[in-house]
Amino acid sequence: VSKTIECKLTGNNVKDDINVVVSYVIRLLKALVGELEQQKSKRSRMG
């Protein structure tokens, strides 16, 4: 019985880890996109 419970727990932990990684990557991408758009707007103002 304990073995099946352990398997379930590790499975849930893996899902949680994936969610954390995905949300972290999405945050990084949003930050990068925001910086790129800021640079574009600066360039267009200068031009």
N, C-alpha and C. Protein backbone atom coordinates (compact mmCIF):
# COMPACT_ATOMS: atom_id res chain seq x y z
N VAL A 1 0.85 -1.20 0.00
CA VAL A 1 0.00 0.00 0.00
C VAL A 1 0.88 1.25 0.00
N SER A 2 1.91 1.25 0.83
CA SER A 2 2.77 2.44 0.92
C SER A 2 3.43 2.73 -0.43
N LYS A 3 3.77 1.66 -1.18
CA LYS A 3 4.44 1.88 -2.48
C LYS A 3 3.52 2.65 -3.43
N THR A 4 2.25 2.26 -3.51
CA THR A 4 1.33 2.95 -4.42
C THR A 4 1.18 4.41 -4.00
N ILE A 5 1.12 4.66 -2.69
CA ILE A 5 0.98 6.04 -2.20
C ILE A 5 2.22 6.84 -2.61
N GLU A 6 3.40 6.24 -2.47
CA GLU A 6 4.63 6.94 -2.85
C GLU A 6 4.60 7.30 -4.33
N CYS A 7 4.17 6.34 -5.17
CA CYS A 7 4.11 6.60 -6.61
C CYS A 7 3.19 7.78 -6.88
N LYS A 8 2.02 7.79 -6.24
CA LYS A 8 1.07 8.89 -6.46
C LYS A 8 1.70 10.21 -6.03
N LEU A 9 2.37 10.22 -4.89
CA LEU A 9 2.98 11.46 -4.39
C LEU A 9 4.02 11.97 -5.37
N THR A 10 4.93 11.08 -5.83
CA THR A 10 5.97 11.53 -6.75
C THR A 10 5.35 12.04 -8.03
N GLY A 11 4.30 11.38 -8.51
CA GLY A 11 3.63 11.83 -9.73
C GLY A 11 3.10 13.25 -9.55
N ASN A 12 2.46 13.50 -8.41
CA ASN A 12 1.93 14.84 -8.16
C ASN A 12 3.06 15.86 -8.08
N ASN A 13 4.15 15.47 -7.42
CA ASN A 13 5.28 16.39 -7.30
C ASN A 13 5.83 16.75 -8.66
N VAL A 14 5.91 15.76 -9.56
CA VAL A 14 6.43 16.03 -10.90
C VAL A 14 5.53 17.05 -11.59
N LYS A 15 4.22 16.87 -11.47
CA LYS A 15 3.28 17.82 -12.10
C LYS A 15 3.50 19.21 -11.52
N ASP A 16 3.65 19.30 -10.19
CA ASP A 16 3.86 20.60 -9.56
C ASP A 16 5.15 21.22 -10.07
N ASP A 17 6.22 20.42 -10.16
CA ASP A 17 7.50 20.94 -10.65
C ASP A 17 7.34 21.47 -12.06
N ILE A 18 6.63 20.73 -12.91
CA ILE A 18 6.44 21.16 -14.30
C ILE A 18 5.68 22.49 -14.31
N ASN A 19 4.64 22.60 -13.48
CA ASN A 19 3.87 23.84 -13.44
C ASN A 19 4.76 25.00 -13.02
N VAL A 20 5.60 24.78 -12.02
CA VAL A 20 6.50 25.84 -11.54
C VAL A 20 7.44 26.26 -12.66
N VAL A 21 8.03 25.28 -13.34
CA VAL A 21 8.97 25.58 -14.42
C VAL A 21 8.27 26.33 -15.54
N VAL A 22 7.08 25.85 -15.92
CA VAL A 22 6.33 26.49 -17.02
C VAL A 22 6.00 27.94 -16.66
N SER A 23 5.49 28.17 -15.46
CA SER A 23 5.13 29.53 -15.07
C SER A 23 6.37 30.41 -15.03
N TYR A 24 7.52 29.86 -14.59
CA TYR A 24 8.77 30.62 -14.55
C TYR A 24 9.20 31.00 -15.96
N VAL A 25 9.13 30.03 -16.89
CA VAL A 25 9.52 30.30 -18.28
C VAL A 25 8.60 31.35 -18.89
N ILE A 26 7.30 31.24 -18.62
CA ILE A 26 6.34 32.22 -19.17
C ILE A 26 6.68 33.61 -18.65
N ARG A 27 7.03 33.70 -17.36
CA ARG A 27 7.38 35.01 -16.80
C ARG A 27 8.61 35.58 -17.50
N LEU A 28 9.63 34.72 -17.71
CA LEU A 28 10.84 35.17 -18.40
C LEU A 28 10.49 35.67 -19.79
N LEU A 29 9.68 34.89 -20.53
CA LEU A 29 9.32 35.28 -21.89
C LEU A 29 8.58 36.61 -21.88
N LYS A 30 7.65 36.80 -20.96
CA LYS A 30 6.90 38.06 -20.89
C LYS A 30 7.86 39.22 -20.63
N ALA A 31 8.83 39.02 -19.73
CA ALA A 31 9.79 40.08 -19.43
C ALA A 31 10.61 40.40 -20.68
N LEU A 32 11.05 39.36 -21.40
CA LEU A 32 11.83 39.58 -22.62
C LEU A 32 11.00 40.34 -23.65
N VAL A 33 9.76 39.92 -23.86
CA VAL A 33 8.89 40.59 -24.83
C VAL A 33 8.69 42.05 -24.43
N GLY A 34 8.48 42.30 -23.15
CA GLY A 34 8.29 43.67 -22.68
C GLY A 34 9.52 44.52 -22.98
N GLU A 35 10.71 43.98 -22.73
CA GLU A 35 11.94 44.73 -23.00
C GLU A 35 12.06 45.01 -24.49
N LEU A 36 11.79 44.00 -25.32
CA LEU A 36 11.90 44.19 -26.78
C LEU A 36 10.95 45.28 -27.24
N GLU A 37 9.72 45.27 -26.74
CA GLU A 37 8.74 46.27 -27.16
C GLU A 37 9.17 47.66 -26.70
N GLN A 38 9.76 47.76 -25.50
CA GLN A 38 10.25 49.05 -25.02
C GLN A 38 11.34 49.57 -25.95
N GLN A 39 12.27 48.68 -26.35
CA GLN A 39 13.35 49.09 -27.25
C GLN A 39 12.77 49.55 -28.58
N LYS A 40 11.77 48.83 -29.10
CA LYS A 40 11.15 49.21 -30.38
C LYS A 40 10.54 50.61 -30.26
N SER A 41 9.80 50.87 -29.18
CA SER A 41 9.14 52.17 -29.03
C SER A 41 10.20 53.27 -28.92
N LYS A 42 11.31 53.01 -28.23
CA LYS A 42 12.38 54.01 -28.13
C LYS A 42 12.94 54.31 -29.52
N ARG A 43 13.18 53.26 -30.30
CA ARG A 43 13.74 53.44 -31.65
C ARG A 43 12.78 54.26 -32.51
N SER A 44 11.49 53.93 -32.47
CA SER A 44 10.53 54.63 -33.32
C SER A 44 10.45 56.11 -32.92
N ARG A 45 10.57 56.42 -31.63
CA ARG A 45 10.55 57.82 -31.20
C ARG A 45 11.77 58.56 -31.74
N MET A 46 12.93 57.91 -31.64
CA MET A 46 14.17 58.54 -32.12
C MET A 46 14.09 58.75 -33.63
N GLY A 47 13.57 57.74 -34.35
CA GLY A 47 13.50 57.83 -35.81
C GLY A 47 12.46 58.87 -36.19
